[in-house]
N, C-alpha and C. Protein backbone atom coordinates (compact mmCIF):
# COMPACT_ATOMS: atom_id res chain seq x y z
N ASN A 1 17.11 -35.54 -19.52
CA ASN A 1 15.84 -35.07 -20.68
C ASN A 1 15.16 -34.80 -19.65
N ARG A 2 14.72 -35.90 -18.34
CA ARG A 2 13.67 -35.23 -17.39
C ARG A 2 14.13 -34.48 -16.37
N LEU A 3 15.48 -33.98 -16.05
CA LEU A 3 16.14 -33.31 -15.91
C LEU A 3 16.14 -31.41 -16.16
N ASN A 4 16.61 -31.86 -17.76
CA ASN A 4 16.08 -30.56 -18.30
C ASN A 4 14.81 -30.57 -18.13
N ASN A 5 13.68 -31.00 -18.67
CA ASN A 5 12.24 -30.54 -18.05
C ASN A 5 11.85 -30.03 -16.54
N CYS A 6 12.67 -30.47 -16.19
CA CYS A 6 12.17 -29.97 -14.14
C CYS A 6 13.35 -28.10 -14.47
N GLU A 7 14.05 -28.08 -14.93
CA GLU A 7 14.84 -27.10 -15.16
C GLU A 7 13.85 -25.89 -15.75
N GLN A 8 13.17 -26.71 -16.70
CA GLN A 8 12.81 -25.57 -17.65
C GLN A 8 11.69 -25.08 -17.15
N ALA A 9 11.16 -26.20 -16.48
CA ALA A 9 9.70 -26.11 -15.59
C ALA A 9 10.17 -25.06 -14.41
N ASN A 10 10.79 -25.10 -13.78
CA ASN A 10 11.49 -24.33 -12.78
C ASN A 10 11.65 -22.50 -13.34
N VAL A 11 12.66 -22.24 -14.64
CA VAL A 11 12.50 -21.15 -15.45
C VAL A 11 11.39 -21.00 -15.81
N ASP A 12 10.38 -21.50 -16.16
CA ASP A 12 8.74 -20.82 -16.52
C ASP A 12 8.20 -20.49 -15.50
N LYS A 13 8.28 -21.54 -14.00
CA LYS A 13 7.76 -20.66 -13.39
C LYS A 13 7.66 -19.19 -12.57
N ILE A 14 9.65 -19.23 -12.36
CA ILE A 14 9.91 -18.24 -12.08
C ILE A 14 9.95 -16.81 -13.41
N ILE A 15 9.31 -16.82 -14.20
CA ILE A 15 9.24 -15.67 -15.60
C ILE A 15 7.13 -15.82 -15.15
N ASN A 16 6.82 -16.55 -14.63
CA ASN A 16 5.88 -16.22 -14.65
C ASN A 16 5.61 -15.33 -13.51
N THR A 17 6.02 -15.86 -12.32
CA THR A 17 5.77 -15.39 -11.02
C THR A 17 6.39 -14.10 -11.24
N ALA A 18 7.06 -13.76 -11.66
CA ALA A 18 8.23 -12.38 -11.80
C ALA A 18 6.99 -11.57 -12.70
N TYR A 19 6.30 -12.25 -13.56
CA TYR A 19 5.10 -11.13 -14.78
C TYR A 19 3.80 -11.24 -13.58
N GLU A 20 3.42 -12.02 -12.89
CA GLU A 20 2.53 -11.10 -11.78
C GLU A 20 2.96 -10.39 -10.60
N GLN A 21 3.94 -10.41 -10.36
CA GLN A 21 4.61 -9.68 -9.56
C GLN A 21 5.02 -8.19 -10.48
N ILE A 22 5.20 -7.82 -11.19
CA ILE A 22 5.41 -6.56 -12.06
C ILE A 22 3.95 -6.31 -12.52
N TYR A 23 3.33 -7.27 -12.85
CA TYR A 23 2.00 -6.61 -13.15
C TYR A 23 1.45 -6.10 -11.52
N ALA A 24 1.07 -6.34 -10.46
CA ALA A 24 0.80 -5.55 -9.50
C ALA A 24 1.69 -4.62 -9.62
N ILE A 25 2.42 -4.66 -9.78
CA ILE A 25 3.55 -3.23 -9.61
C ILE A 25 3.30 -2.08 -10.30
N GLU A 26 2.89 -2.84 -11.42
CA GLU A 26 2.50 -1.59 -12.49
C GLU A 26 0.76 -1.27 -11.88
N LYS A 27 0.23 -1.91 -11.73
CA LYS A 27 -1.14 -1.99 -11.65
C LYS A 27 -0.63 -0.62 -10.08
N ILE A 28 -0.21 -0.41 -9.49
CA ILE A 28 -0.21 0.29 -8.13
C ILE A 28 -0.18 1.58 -8.91
N GLU A 29 1.10 1.31 -9.61
CA GLU A 29 1.91 2.79 -9.86
C GLU A 29 0.37 3.18 -10.76
N LYS A 30 -0.17 2.74 -11.88
CA LYS A 30 -1.21 3.35 -12.50
C LYS A 30 -2.58 3.96 -12.11
N TYR A 31 -2.86 3.15 -10.81
CA TYR A 31 -4.15 3.61 -9.77
C TYR A 31 -3.59 4.18 -8.95
N ALA A 32 -2.38 4.36 -8.47
CA ALA A 32 -1.98 4.99 -7.11
C ALA A 32 -1.00 5.46 -7.56
N SER A 33 -0.07 5.36 -6.60
CA SER A 33 1.60 5.51 -6.68
C SER A 33 2.72 4.43 -5.59
N LEU A 34 3.63 4.33 -6.10
CA LEU A 34 4.46 3.60 -5.56
C LEU A 34 4.44 4.42 -3.85
N ASP A 35 4.22 5.56 -3.26
CA ASP A 35 4.15 6.19 -2.55
C ASP A 35 3.26 5.17 -1.37
N ILE A 36 2.35 4.81 -1.68
CA ILE A 36 1.64 4.31 -1.12
C ILE A 36 1.83 2.74 -0.11
N LEU A 37 3.38 2.73 -0.57
CA LEU A 37 3.94 1.55 -0.36
C LEU A 37 4.82 2.07 0.72
N SER A 38 4.89 1.21 1.94
CA SER A 38 6.28 1.15 2.56
C SER A 38 7.37 1.32 1.91
N ASP A 39 8.31 2.17 2.51
CA ASP A 39 9.80 2.17 1.83
C ASP A 39 10.42 0.63 1.27
N LYS A 40 10.24 -0.21 2.64
CA LYS A 40 10.92 -1.68 2.15
C LYS A 40 10.00 -2.18 0.88
N GLU A 41 8.79 -2.27 0.82
CA GLU A 41 7.90 -2.74 0.02
C GLU A 41 8.32 -1.83 -1.63
N LYS A 42 8.07 -0.27 -1.37
CA LYS A 42 8.81 0.28 -2.31
C LYS A 42 10.46 -0.09 -2.74
N GLU A 43 11.14 -0.64 -2.00
CA GLU A 43 12.65 -0.95 -2.90
C GLU A 43 12.50 -2.17 -3.50
N VAL A 44 11.50 -2.64 -3.02
CA VAL A 44 11.48 -4.49 -3.67
C VAL A 44 11.14 -4.34 -5.23
N ALA A 45 9.58 -3.22 -5.08
CA ALA A 45 9.40 -3.24 -6.02
C ALA A 45 10.33 -2.73 -7.13
N ILE A 46 10.70 -1.36 -6.97
CA ILE A 46 11.92 -0.93 -7.72
C ILE A 46 12.66 -1.99 -8.19
N TYR A 47 13.63 -2.91 -7.31
CA TYR A 47 14.48 -4.07 -7.67
C TYR A 47 13.94 -4.89 -8.69
N ARG A 48 12.02 -5.49 -8.11
CA ARG A 48 11.83 -6.45 -9.14
C ARG A 48 11.55 -5.89 -10.59
N LYS A 49 11.42 -4.23 -10.65
CA LYS A 49 10.92 -4.19 -12.31
C LYS A 49 12.54 -4.40 -12.74
N LYS A 50 13.50 -3.74 -12.12
CA LYS A 50 15.01 -3.47 -12.73
C LYS A 50 15.24 -4.76 -13.00
N TYR A 51 15.32 -5.85 -12.11
CA TYR A 51 15.71 -7.40 -12.37
C TYR A 51 14.10 -8.06 -12.96
N PRO A 52 13.30 -8.10 -14.12
CA PRO A 52 12.64 -8.86 -14.05
C PRO A 52 12.20 -10.69 -14.35
N ASP A 53 13.96 -10.85 -14.19
CA ASP A 53 13.71 -12.21 -15.00
C ASP A 53 14.82 -13.15 -13.47
N VAL A 54 14.73 -12.54 -12.67
CA VAL A 54 16.19 -13.22 -11.70
C VAL A 54 14.52 -13.81 -10.71
N SER A 55 15.19 -15.40 -10.29
CA SER A 55 14.41 -15.73 -8.97
C SER A 55 14.43 -14.68 -7.53
N LEU A 56 13.85 -15.25 -7.07
CA LEU A 56 13.48 -14.87 -5.54
C LEU A 56 14.50 -14.66 -4.97
N GLY A 57 15.45 -16.14 -4.86
CA GLY A 57 16.77 -15.93 -4.37
C GLY A 57 18.05 -15.00 -4.95
N GLU A 58 18.01 -14.52 -6.02
CA GLU A 58 18.74 -14.01 -6.76
C GLU A 58 18.78 -11.97 -6.49
N LEU A 59 17.15 -12.23 -6.54
CA LEU A 59 17.04 -10.86 -6.33
C LEU A 59 17.45 -10.10 -4.77
N SER A 60 17.15 -11.42 -3.80
CA SER A 60 17.32 -10.88 -2.45
C SER A 60 19.10 -11.04 -2.28
N GLU A 61 19.95 -11.60 -3.11
CA GLU A 61 21.55 -11.96 -3.44
C GLU A 61 21.18 -9.73 -3.88
N ILE A 62 20.95 -9.66 -4.99
CA ILE A 62 21.35 -8.26 -5.92
C ILE A 62 21.11 -7.41 -4.85
N MET A 63 19.50 -7.22 -4.07
CA MET A 63 18.96 -5.77 -3.27
C MET A 63 20.27 -5.85 -2.19
N SER A 64 20.79 -7.04 -1.66
CA SER A 64 22.44 -7.46 -0.32
C SER A 64 23.21 -6.71 -1.00
N VAL A 65 23.19 -7.04 -2.12
CA VAL A 65 25.05 -6.99 -2.27
C VAL A 65 24.62 -5.17 -2.66
N GLU A 66 23.33 -4.50 -3.70
CA GLU A 66 23.98 -3.48 -4.04
C GLU A 66 23.21 -2.20 -3.11
N THR A 67 22.50 -2.47 -1.91
CA THR A 67 22.06 -1.57 -1.07
C THR A 67 22.85 -1.88 0.72
N ASN A 68 23.89 -2.41 0.26
CA ASN A 68 24.38 -2.53 1.74
C ASN A 68 23.29 -3.57 2.86
N LYS A 69 22.07 -3.46 2.68
CA LYS A 69 20.97 -4.10 3.98
C LYS A 69 21.03 -5.58 3.50
N LYS A 70 21.16 -6.57 4.83
CA LYS A 70 20.78 -7.83 4.13
C LYS A 70 19.25 -8.12 3.94
N ILE A 71 19.11 -8.75 3.15
CA ILE A 71 17.47 -9.31 2.72
C ILE A 71 17.26 -10.89 2.52
N THR A 72 16.55 -11.46 3.05
CA THR A 72 16.64 -12.99 2.63
C THR A 72 15.44 -12.93 1.73
N LYS A 73 15.36 -14.18 1.09
CA LYS A 73 14.68 -14.60 -0.20
C LYS A 73 13.07 -14.94 0.55
N SER A 74 12.92 -14.96 1.84
CA SER A 74 11.93 -14.80 2.54
C SER A 74 11.20 -13.29 2.55
N GLY A 75 12.49 -12.62 2.85
CA GLY A 75 11.88 -11.50 3.29
C GLY A 75 11.48 -10.35 1.84
N VAL A 76 12.39 -10.90 0.95
CA VAL A 76 11.65 -10.71 -0.38
C VAL A 76 10.01 -11.02 -0.85
N TYR A 77 10.29 -12.04 -0.46
CA TYR A 77 8.48 -12.42 -1.10
C TYR A 77 7.94 -12.08 -0.35
N HIS A 78 7.50 -12.42 1.25
CA HIS A 78 6.52 -11.57 1.92
C HIS A 78 6.48 -10.21 1.44
N ARG A 79 7.66 -9.24 0.89
CA ARG A 79 6.95 -7.51 0.72
C ARG A 79 6.25 -7.99 -1.16
N LEU A 80 6.56 -8.58 -1.47
CA LEU A 80 6.26 -8.91 -2.60
C LEU A 80 4.40 -9.39 -3.05
N ASN A 81 4.53 -9.95 -1.74
CA ASN A 81 2.91 -10.55 -1.45
C ASN A 81 2.15 -9.75 -0.83
N LYS A 82 3.04 -8.81 -0.06
CA LYS A 82 2.19 -7.79 0.62
C LYS A 82 1.67 -6.79 -0.55
N ILE A 83 2.35 -6.72 -2.06
CA ILE A 83 2.81 -5.80 -2.68
C ILE A 83 1.28 -6.42 -3.57
N LYS A 84 1.45 -7.28 -3.89
CA LYS A 84 0.36 -8.22 -4.49
C LYS A 84 -1.17 -7.79 -3.98
N GLU A 85 -1.10 -8.02 -2.50
CA GLU A 85 -2.54 -8.27 -1.96
C GLU A 85 -3.01 -6.41 -1.87
N ILE A 86 -1.70 -5.45 -1.80
CA ILE A 86 -2.22 -3.91 -1.94
C ILE A 86 -3.22 -3.63 -3.84
N ALA A 87 -2.10 -4.28 -3.94
CA ALA A 87 -3.02 -4.17 -5.63
C ALA A 87 -4.00 -5.05 -5.72
N ASP A 88 -4.34 -5.99 -5.31
CA ASP A 88 -5.58 -6.60 -5.32
C ASP A 88 -6.68 -5.31 -4.85
N LYS A 89 -6.29 -4.58 -3.90
CA LYS A 89 -7.35 -4.06 -3.44
C LYS A 89 -7.95 -2.91 -4.48
N ILE A 90 -6.82 -2.29 -4.85
CA ILE A 90 -6.82 -0.52 -5.37
C ILE A 90 -8.10 -0.94 -6.03
N SER A 91 -7.74 -2.21 -7.57
CA SER A 91 -8.93 -1.42 -8.61
C SER A 91 -9.43 -3.26 -8.93
N ASN A 92 -10.31 -3.57 -9.21
CA ASN A 92 -10.97 -5.01 -9.74
C ASN A 92 -10.99 -4.87 -11.18
N VAL A 93 -10.84 -3.64 -11.95
CA VAL A 93 -10.62 -2.88 -13.08
C VAL A 93 -10.12 -3.59 -14.37
N ASP A 94 -8.92 -4.51 -14.06
CA ASP A 94 -7.78 -5.43 -14.93
C ASP A 94 -8.42 -6.97 -14.28
């Protein structure tokens, strides 16, 4: 039972984090454009929207396979954090 609770908490955390990331991406799209992002950040944004329910580790694996360019979980994390920072600066409307 305890193991199930931990697994469910991890799934909930993944979903909540992904939602926040997608919200930041959509905020950039609404108030500016993904073109204000670097190519690497834009690529991560596109893949996060395409795969909204996967963990960062899974997202890095998917991106590495589909683009033939190795990207680590840490690399995905840092790019998504940069996207969130940019979204926070764009508008305090929401």
